[in-house]
Amino acid sequence: MEPARLFTDHPASVGETYGEHLAMASGFGLRMIAGGLACLVHGLLPFLFVRTGSAQIAQLHDTMVANRRRKPFPAPMPAVLDFVI
């Protein structure tokens, strides 16, 4: 496999360029870190960040799964059967 494809195949499979995928994944990661830190603080001080963790999860799910805009997948290549007689 070409080294460049290691960086482009997955982003292309979700309809993004490498840069777009880097930005989206980084944004998701930062939001997960912020939500996780809020959950840790909430564990120590239960009166703080009462809904922050669940709100982050709901927003991330909405962005990633429910309302994701994807480019259509390319048409599959037809199967080629090769027989030797």
PDB file of N, CA and C in Angstrom:
ATOM      1  N   MET A   1       0.848  -1.172   0.000  1.00  0.00           N
ATOM      2  CA  MET A   1       0.000   0.000   0.000  1.00  0.00           C
ATOM      3  C   MET A   1       0.899   1.243   0.000  1.00  0.00           C
ATOM      4  N   GLU A   2       0.502   2.215  -0.779  1.00  0.00           N
ATOM      5  CA  GLU A   2       1.251   3.476  -0.825  1.00  0.00           C
ATOM      6  C   GLU A   2       1.157   4.186   0.519  1.00  0.00           C
ATOM      7  N   PRO A   3       2.247   4.767   0.988  1.00  0.00           N
ATOM      8  CA  PRO A   3       2.198   5.488   2.272  1.00  0.00           C
ATOM      9  C   PRO A   3       1.161   6.608   2.279  1.00  0.00           C
ATOM     10  N   ALA A   4       0.998   7.317   1.176  1.00  0.00           N
ATOM     11  CA  ALA A   4       0.030   8.421   1.143  1.00  0.00           C
ATOM     12  C   ALA A   4      -1.390   7.925   1.367  1.00  0.00           C
ATOM     13  N   ARG A   5      -1.695   6.719   0.900  1.00  0.00           N
ATOM     14  CA  ARG A   5      -3.050   6.188   1.063  1.00  0.00           C
ATOM     15  C   ARG A   5      -3.374   5.912   2.523  1.00  0.00           C
ATOM     16  N   LEU A   6      -2.369   5.693   3.344  1.00  0.00           N
ATOM     17  CA  LEU A   6      -2.612   5.515   4.775  1.00  0.00           C
ATOM     18  C   LEU A   6      -3.282   6.749   5.373  1.00  0.00           C
ATOM     19  N   PHE A   7      -3.021   7.906   4.771  1.00  0.00           N
ATOM     20  CA  PHE A   7      -3.559   9.165   5.270  1.00  0.00           C
ATOM     21  C   PHE A   7      -4.827   9.605   4.554  1.00  0.00           C
ATOM     22  N   THR A   8      -5.152   8.988   3.427  1.00  0.00           N
ATOM     23  CA  THR A   8      -6.276   9.476   2.628  1.00  0.00           C
ATOM     24  C   THR A   8      -7.434   8.498   2.487  1.00  0.00           C
ATOM     25  N   ASP A   9      -7.201   7.210   2.624  1.00  0.00           N
ATOM     26  CA  ASP A   9      -8.268   6.234   2.394  1.00  0.00           C
ATOM     27  C   ASP A   9      -9.430   6.390   3.375  1.00  0.00           C
ATOM     28  N   HIS A  10      -9.145   6.407   4.661  1.00  0.00           N
ATOM     29  CA  HIS A  10     -10.246   6.528   5.631  1.00  0.00           C
ATOM     30  C   HIS A  10     -10.960   7.872   5.512  1.00  0.00           C
ATOM     31  N   PRO A  11     -10.245   9.007   5.464  1.00  0.00           N
ATOM     32  CA  PRO A  11     -10.975  10.266   5.292  1.00  0.00           C
ATOM     33  C   PRO A  11     -11.871  10.259   4.041  1.00  0.00           C
ATOM     34  N   ALA A  12     -11.376   9.696   2.954  1.00  0.00           N
ATOM     35  CA  ALA A  12     -12.193   9.627   1.737  1.00  0.00           C
ATOM     36  C   ALA A  12     -13.426   8.765   1.949  1.00  0.00           C
ATOM     37  N   SER A  13     -13.317   7.720   2.776  1.00  0.00           N
ATOM     38  CA  SER A  13     -14.455   6.834   3.007  1.00  0.00           C
ATOM     39  C   SER A  13     -15.589   7.522   3.761  1.00  0.00           C
ATOM     40  N   VAL A  14     -15.284   8.612   4.448  1.00  0.00           N
ATOM     41  CA  VAL A  14     -16.328   9.381   5.131  1.00  0.00           C
ATOM     42  C   VAL A  14     -16.570  10.723   4.451  1.00  0.00           C
ATOM     43  N   GLY A  15     -16.084  10.850   3.217  1.00  0.00           N
ATOM     44  CA  GLY A  15     -16.364  12.040   2.424  1.00  0.00           C
ATOM     45  C   GLY A  15     -15.591  13.272   2.827  1.00  0.00           C
ATOM     46  N   GLU A  16     -14.372  13.096   3.326  1.00  0.00           N
ATOM     47  CA  GLU A  16     -13.565  14.233   3.760  1.00  0.00           C
ATOM     48  C   GLU A  16     -12.166  14.148   3.165  1.00  0.00           C
ATOM     49  N   THR A  17     -11.518  15.292   3.075  1.00  0.00           N
ATOM     50  CA  THR A  17     -10.102  15.312   2.735  1.00  0.00           C
ATOM     51  C   THR A  17      -9.317  15.043   4.013  1.00  0.00           C
ATOM     52  N   TYR A  18      -8.015  14.872   3.875  1.00  0.00           N
ATOM     53  CA  TYR A  18      -7.185  14.660   5.062  1.00  0.00           C
ATOM     54  C   TYR A  18      -7.310  15.846   6.022  1.00  0.00           C
ATOM     55  N   GLY A  19      -7.232  17.065   5.505  1.00  0.00           N
ATOM     56  CA  GLY A  19      -7.322  18.263   6.350  1.00  0.00           C
ATOM     57  C   GLY A  19      -8.673  18.384   7.032  1.00  0.00           C
ATOM     58  N   GLU A  20      -9.753  18.111   6.287  1.00  0.00           N
ATOM     59  CA  GLU A  20     -11.087  18.163   6.886  1.00  0.00           C
ATOM     60  C   GLU A  20     -11.225  17.121   7.998  1.00  0.00           C
ATOM     61  N   HIS A  21     -10.685  15.931   7.735  1.00  0.00           N
ATOM     62  CA  HIS A  21     -10.775  14.868   8.721  1.00  0.00           C
ATOM     63  C   HIS A  21      -9.941  15.203   9.962  1.00  0.00           C
ATOM     64  N   LEU A  22      -8.771  15.783   9.755  1.00  0.00           N
ATOM     65  CA  LEU A  22      -7.931  16.209  10.874  1.00  0.00           C
ATOM     66  C   LEU A  22      -8.679  17.218  11.742  1.00  0.00           C
ATOM     67  N   ALA A  23      -9.321  18.190  11.106  1.00  0.00           N
ATOM     68  CA  ALA A  23     -10.059  19.207  11.860  1.00  0.00           C
ATOM     69  C   ALA A  23     -11.239  18.598  12.615  1.00  0.00           C
ATOM     70  N   MET A  24     -12.009  17.735  11.946  1.00  0.00           N
ATOM     71  CA  MET A  24     -13.168  17.115  12.597  1.00  0.00           C
ATOM     72  C   MET A  24     -12.736  16.222  13.762  1.00  0.00           C
ATOM     73  N   ALA A  25     -11.762  15.353  13.524  1.00  0.00           N
ATOM     74  CA  ALA A  25     -11.316  14.426  14.565  1.00  0.00           C
ATOM     75  C   ALA A  25     -10.702  15.181  15.740  1.00  0.00           C
ATOM     76  N   SER A  26      -9.949  16.230  15.460  1.00  0.00           N
ATOM     77  CA  SER A  26      -9.360  17.024  16.536  1.00  0.00           C
ATOM     78  C   SER A  26     -10.438  17.717  17.359  1.00  0.00           C
ATOM     79  N   GLY A  27     -11.442  18.254  16.678  1.00  0.00           N
ATOM     80  CA  GLY A  27     -12.553  18.901  17.385  1.00  0.00           C
ATOM     81  C   GLY A  27     -13.300  17.919  18.268  1.00  0.00           C
ATOM     82  N   PHE A  28     -13.541  16.709  17.734  1.00  0.00           N
ATOM     83  CA  PHE A  28     -14.211  15.685  18.532  1.00  0.00           C
ATOM     84  C   PHE A  28     -13.357  15.314  19.739  1.00  0.00           C
ATOM     85  N   GLY A  29     -12.064  15.142  19.520  1.00  0.00           N
ATOM     86  CA  GLY A  29     -11.174  14.765  20.616  1.00  0.00           C
ATOM     87  C   GLY A  29     -11.146  15.807  21.716  1.00  0.00           C
ATOM     88  N   LEU A  30     -11.060  17.075  21.338  1.00  0.00           N
ATOM     89  CA  LEU A  30     -11.042  18.143  22.341  1.00  0.00           C
ATOM     90  C   LEU A  30     -12.355  18.207  23.115  1.00  0.00           C
ATOM     91  N   ARG A  31     -13.470  18.002  22.411  1.00  0.00           N
ATOM     92  CA  ARG A  31     -14.770  18.017  23.093  1.00  0.00           C
ATOM     93  C   ARG A  31     -14.900  16.827  24.041  1.00  0.00           C
ATOM     94  N   MET A  32     -14.354  15.677  23.645  1.00  0.00           N
ATOM     95  CA  MET A  32     -14.397  14.512  24.537  1.00  0.00           C
ATOM     96  C   MET A  32     -13.526  14.731  25.771  1.00  0.00           C
ATOM     97  N   ILE A  33     -12.360  15.349  25.583  1.00  0.00           N
ATOM     98  CA  ILE A  33     -11.491  15.654  26.725  1.00  0.00           C
ATOM     99  C   ILE A  33     -12.193  16.617  27.678  1.00  0.00           C
ATOM    100  N   ALA A  34     -12.798  17.674  27.123  1.00  0.00           N
ATOM    101  CA  ALA A  34     -13.503  18.654  27.963  1.00  0.00           C
ATOM    102  C   ALA A  34     -14.654  17.987  28.711  1.00  0.00           C
ATOM    103  N   GLY A  35     -15.422  17.148  28.018  1.00  0.00           N
ATOM    104  CA  GLY A  35     -16.526  16.445  28.684  1.00  0.00           C
ATOM    105  C   GLY A  35     -16.028  15.487  29.750  1.00  0.00           C
ATOM    106  N   GLY A  36     -14.908  14.807  29.472  1.00  0.00           N
ATOM    107  CA  GLY A  36     -14.333  13.887  30.453  1.00  0.00           C
ATOM    108  C   GLY A  36     -13.839  14.604  31.686  1.00  0.00           C
ATOM    109  N   LEU A  37     -13.194  15.743  31.487  1.00  0.00           N
ATOM    110  CA  LEU A  37     -12.741  16.531  32.638  1.00  0.00           C
ATOM    111  C   LEU A  37     -13.921  17.026  33.462  1.00  0.00           C
ATOM    112  N   ALA A  38     -14.981  17.448  32.767  1.00  0.00           N
ATOM    113  CA  ALA A  38     -16.180  17.883  33.491  1.00  0.00           C
ATOM    114  C   ALA A  38     -16.757  16.735  34.305  1.00  0.00           C
ATOM    115  N   CYS A  39     -16.737  15.512  33.748  1.00  0.00           N
ATOM    116  CA  CYS A  39     -17.236  14.348  34.490  1.00  0.00           C
ATOM    117  C   CYS A  39     -16.382  14.056  35.716  1.00  0.00           C
ATOM    118  N   LEU A  40     -15.064  14.199  35.582  1.00  0.00           N
ATOM    119  CA  LEU A  40     -14.188  13.976  36.731  1.00  0.00           C
ATOM    120  C   LEU A  40     -14.458  14.987  37.841  1.00  0.00           C
ATOM    121  N   VAL A  41     -14.618  16.254  37.455  1.00  0.00           N
ATOM    122  CA  VAL A  41     -14.931  17.286  38.450  1.00  0.00           C
ATOM    123  C   VAL A  41     -16.293  17.001  39.067  1.00  0.00           C
ATOM    124  N   HIS A  42     -17.254  16.608  38.242  1.00  0.00           N
ATOM    125  CA  HIS A  42     -18.598  16.289  38.749  1.00  0.00           C
ATOM    126  C   HIS A  42     -18.552  15.142  39.755  1.00  0.00           C
ATOM    127  N   GLY A  43     -17.666  14.175  39.528  1.00  0.00           N
ATOM    128  CA  GLY A  43     -17.531  13.070  40.482  1.00  0.00           C
ATOM    129  C   GLY A  43     -17.088  13.554  41.855  1.00  0.00           C
ATOM    130  N   LEU A  44     -16.214  14.545  41.878  1.00  0.00           N
ATOM    131  CA  LEU A  44     -15.733  15.094  43.152  1.00  0.00           C
ATOM    132  C   LEU A  44     -16.713  16.093  43.753  1.00  0.00           C
ATOM    133  N   LEU A  45     -17.298  16.899  42.896  1.00  0.00           N
ATOM    134  CA  LEU A  45     -18.214  17.959  43.326  1.00  0.00           C
ATOM    135  C   LEU A  45     -19.527  17.786  42.558  1.00  0.00           C
ATOM    136  N   PRO A  46     -20.418  16.942  43.025  1.00  0.00           N
ATOM    137  CA  PRO A  46     -21.597  16.546  42.257  1.00  0.00           C
ATOM    138  C   PRO A  46     -22.563  17.675  41.900  1.00  0.00           C
ATOM    139  N   PHE A  47     -22.412  18.824  42.514  1.00  0.00           N
ATOM    140  CA  PHE A  47     -23.282  19.950  42.211  1.00  0.00           C
ATOM    141  C   PHE A  47     -22.797  20.736  40.990  1.00  0.00           C
ATOM    142  N   LEU A  48     -21.590  20.405  40.490  1.00  0.00           N
ATOM    143  CA  LEU A  48     -21.059  21.064  39.298  1.00  0.00           C
ATOM    144  C   LEU A  48     -21.191  20.145  38.076  1.00  0.00           C
ATOM    145  N   PHE A  49     -21.352  20.743  36.915  1.00  0.00           N
ATOM    146  CA  PHE A  49     -21.369  20.025  35.631  1.00  0.00           C
ATOM    147  C   PHE A  49     -22.355  18.857  35.633  1.00  0.00           C
ATOM    148  N   VAL A  50     -23.557  19.116  36.116  1.00  0.00           N
ATOM    149  CA  VAL A  50     -24.566  18.063  36.280  1.00  0.00           C
ATOM    150  C   VAL A  50     -24.960  17.445  34.938  1.00  0.00           C
ATOM    151  N   ARG A  51     -25.038  18.246  33.886  1.00  0.00           N
ATOM    152  CA  ARG A  51     -25.473  17.734  32.579  1.00  0.00           C
ATOM    153  C   ARG A  51     -24.397  17.832  31.496  1.00  0.00           C
ATOM    154  N   THR A  52     -23.229  18.279  31.827  1.00  0.00           N
ATOM    155  CA  THR A  52     -22.205  18.546  30.817  1.00  0.00           C
ATOM    156  C   THR A  52     -21.768  17.287  30.070  1.00  0.00           C
ATOM    157  N   GLY A  53     -21.486  16.218  30.779  1.00  0.00           N
ATOM    158  CA  GLY A  53     -21.022  14.984  30.128  1.00  0.00           C
ATOM    159  C   GLY A  53     -22.052  14.431  29.171  1.00  0.00           C
ATOM    160  N   SER A  54     -23.300  14.313  29.625  1.00  0.00           N
ATOM    161  CA  SER A  54     -24.343  13.766  28.755  1.00  0.00           C
ATOM    162  C   SER A  54     -24.646  14.706  27.594  1.00  0.00           C
ATOM    163  N   ALA A  55     -24.551  16.012  27.825  1.00  0.00           N
ATOM    164  CA  ALA A  55     -24.779  16.964  26.737  1.00  0.00           C
ATOM    165  C   ALA A  55     -23.692  16.830  25.664  1.00  0.00           C
ATOM    166  N   GLN A  56     -22.440  16.640  26.076  1.00  0.00           N
ATOM    167  CA  GLN A  56     -21.350  16.453  25.113  1.00  0.00           C
ATOM    168  C   GLN A  56     -21.584  15.196  24.280  1.00  0.00           C
ATOM    169  N   ILE A  57     -21.966  14.113  24.951  1.00  0.00           N
ATOM    170  CA  ILE A  57     -22.210  12.856  24.236  1.00  0.00           C
ATOM    171  C   ILE A  57     -23.339  13.036  23.227  1.00  0.00           C
ATOM    172  N   ALA A  58     -24.413  13.681  23.632  1.00  0.00           N
ATOM    173  CA  ALA A  58     -25.547  13.892  22.728  1.00  0.00           C
ATOM    174  C   ALA A  58     -25.144  14.748  21.532  1.00  0.00           C
ATOM    175  N   GLN A  59     -24.380  15.812  21.767  1.00  0.00           N
ATOM    176  CA  GLN A  59     -23.952  16.682  20.669  1.00  0.00           C
ATOM    177  C   GLN A  59     -22.998  15.959  19.729  1.00  0.00           C
ATOM    178  N   LEU A  60     -22.068  15.197  20.278  1.00  0.00           N
ATOM    179  CA  LEU A  60     -21.134  14.455  19.430  1.00  0.00           C
ATOM    180  C   LEU A  60     -21.865  13.394  18.613  1.00  0.00           C
ATOM    181  N   HIS A  61     -22.804  12.696  19.218  1.00  0.00           N
ATOM    182  CA  HIS A  61     -23.591  11.700  18.481  1.00  0.00           C
ATOM    183  C   HIS A  61     -24.381  12.369  17.367  1.00  0.00           C
ATOM    184  N   ASP A  62     -24.988  13.499  17.677  1.00  0.00           N
ATOM    185  CA  ASP A  62     -25.769  14.214  16.673  1.00  0.00           C
ATOM    186  C   ASP A  62     -24.900  14.617  15.491  1.00  0.00           C
ATOM    187  N   THR A  63     -23.703  15.106  15.773  1.00  0.00           N
ATOM    188  CA  THR A  63     -22.803  15.539  14.703  1.00  0.00           C
ATOM    189  C   THR A  63     -22.236  14.356  13.924  1.00  0.00           C
ATOM    190  N   MET A  64     -21.843  13.310  14.627  1.00  0.00           N
ATOM    191  CA  MET A  64     -21.152  12.201  13.979  1.00  0.00           C
ATOM    192  C   MET A  64     -22.092  11.211  13.304  1.00  0.00           C
ATOM    193  N   VAL A  65     -23.233  10.954  13.905  1.00  0.00           N
ATOM    194  CA  VAL A  65     -24.097   9.884  13.418  1.00  0.00           C
ATOM    195  C   VAL A  65     -25.391  10.419  12.810  1.00  0.00           C
ATOM    196  N   ALA A  66     -26.130  11.179  13.564  1.00  0.00           N
ATOM    197  CA  ALA A  66     -27.474  11.551  13.140  1.00  0.00           C
ATOM    198  C   ALA A  66     -27.494  12.532  11.968  1.00  0.00           C
ATOM    199  N   ASN A  67     -26.632  13.521  11.982  1.00  0.00           N
ATOM    200  CA  ASN A  67     -26.688  14.565  10.950  1.00  0.00           C
ATOM    201  C   ASN A  67     -25.420  14.665  10.118  1.00  0.00           C
ATOM    202  N   ARG A  68     -24.703  13.583   9.986  1.00  0.00           N
ATOM    203  CA  ARG A  68     -23.455  13.593   9.225  1.00  0.00           C
ATOM    204  C   ARG A  68     -23.760  13.749   7.744  1.00  0.00           C
ATOM    205  N   ARG A  69     -23.105  14.705   7.109  1.00  0.00           N
ATOM    206  CA  ARG A  69     -23.238  14.870   5.662  1.00  0.00           C
ATOM    207  C   ARG A  69     -22.121  14.081   5.005  1.00  0.00           C
ATOM    208  N   ARG A  70     -22.481  13.090   4.254  1.00  0.00           N
ATOM    209  CA  ARG A  70     -21.486  12.266   3.585  1.00  0.00           C
ATOM    210  C   ARG A  70     -21.647  12.379   2.085  1.00  0.00           C
ATOM    211  N   LYS A  71     -20.534  12.296   1.421  1.00  0.00           N
ATOM    212  CA  LYS A  71     -20.579  12.208  -0.032  1.00  0.00           C
ATOM    213  C   LYS A  71     -21.034  10.799  -0.380  1.00  0.00           C
ATOM    214  N   PRO A  72     -21.737  10.655  -1.500  1.00  0.00           N
ATOM    215  CA  PRO A  72     -22.161   9.303  -1.864  1.00  0.00           C
ATOM    216  C   PRO A  72     -20.959   8.412  -2.142  1.00  0.00           C
ATOM    217  N   PHE A  73     -21.095   7.150  -1.768  1.00  0.00           N
ATOM    218  CA  PHE A  73     -20.038   6.190  -2.048  1.00  0.00           C
ATOM    219  C   PHE A  73     -19.960   5.956  -3.542  1.00  0.00           C
ATOM    220  N   PRO A  74     -18.755   5.756  -4.066  1.00  0.00           N
ATOM    221  CA  PRO A  74     -18.649   5.451  -5.489  1.00  0.00           C
ATOM    222  C   PRO A  74     -19.309   4.107  -5.778  1.00  0.00           C
ATOM    223  N   ALA A  75     -19.785   3.969  -7.004  1.00  0.00           N
ATOM    224  CA  ALA A  75     -20.430   2.711  -7.398  1.00  0.00           C
ATOM    225  C   ALA A  75     -19.427   1.575  -7.283  1.00  0.00           C
ATOM    226  N   PRO A  76     -19.874   0.433  -6.769  1.00  0.00           N
ATOM    227  CA  PRO A  76     -18.942  -0.686  -6.651  1.00  0.00           C
ATOM    228  C   PRO A  76     -18.520  -1.196  -8.023  1.00  0.00           C
ATOM    229  N   MET A  77     -17.301  -1.665  -8.078  1.00  0.00           N
ATOM    230  CA  MET A  77     -16.807  -2.212  -9.337  1.00  0.00           C
ATOM    231  C   MET A  77     -17.475  -3.559  -9.559  1.00  0.00           C
ATOM    232  N   PRO A  78     -17.832  -3.857 -10.820  1.00  0.00           N
ATOM    233  CA  PRO A  78     -18.458  -5.151 -11.063  1.00  0.00           C
ATOM    234  C   PRO A  78     -17.486  -6.296 -10.809  1.00  0.00           C
ATOM    235  N   ALA A  79     -18.040  -7.371 -10.317  1.00  0.00           N
ATOM    236  CA  ALA A  79     -17.211  -8.550 -10.047  1.00  0.00           C
ATOM    237  C   ALA A  79     -16.766  -9.154 -11.371  1.00  0.00           C
ATOM    238  N   VAL A  80     -15.536  -9.559 -11.405  1.00  0.00           N
ATOM    239  CA  VAL A  80     -14.988 -10.197 -12.606  1.00  0.00           C
ATOM    240  C   VAL A  80     -14.678 -11.638 -12.255  1.00  0.00           C
ATOM    241  N   LEU A  81     -15.289 -12.535 -12.997  1.00  0.00           N
ATOM    242  CA  LEU A  81     -15.034 -13.943 -12.786  1.00  0.00           C
ATOM    243  C   LEU A  81     -14.014 -14.410 -13.821  1.00  0.00           C
ATOM    244  N   ASP A  82     -13.067 -15.136 -13.371  1.00  0.00           N
ATOM    245  CA  ASP A  82     -12.008 -15.619 -14.266  1.00  0.00           C
ATOM    246  C   ASP A  82     -11.951 -17.123 -14.127  1.00  0.00           C
ATOM    247  N   PHE A  83     -12.209 -17.807 -15.225  1.00  0.00           N
ATOM    248  CA  PHE A  83     -12.192 -19.271 -15.221  1.00  0.00           C
ATOM    249  C   PHE A  83     -11.075 -19.773 -16.091  1.00  0.00           C
ATOM    250  N   VAL A  84     -10.460 -20.827 -15.659  1.00  0.00           N
ATOM    251  CA  VAL A  84      -9.452 -21.511 -16.470  1.00  0.00           C
ATOM    252  C   VAL A  84     -10.028 -22.882 -16.768  1.00  0.00           C
ATOM    253  N   ILE A  85     -10.095 -23.195 -18.051  1.00  0.00           N
ATOM    254  CA  ILE A  85     -10.633 -24.514 -18.434  1.00  0.00           C
ATOM    255  C   ILE A  85      -9.541 -25.333 -19.082  1.00  0.00           C
TER     256      ILE A  85
END
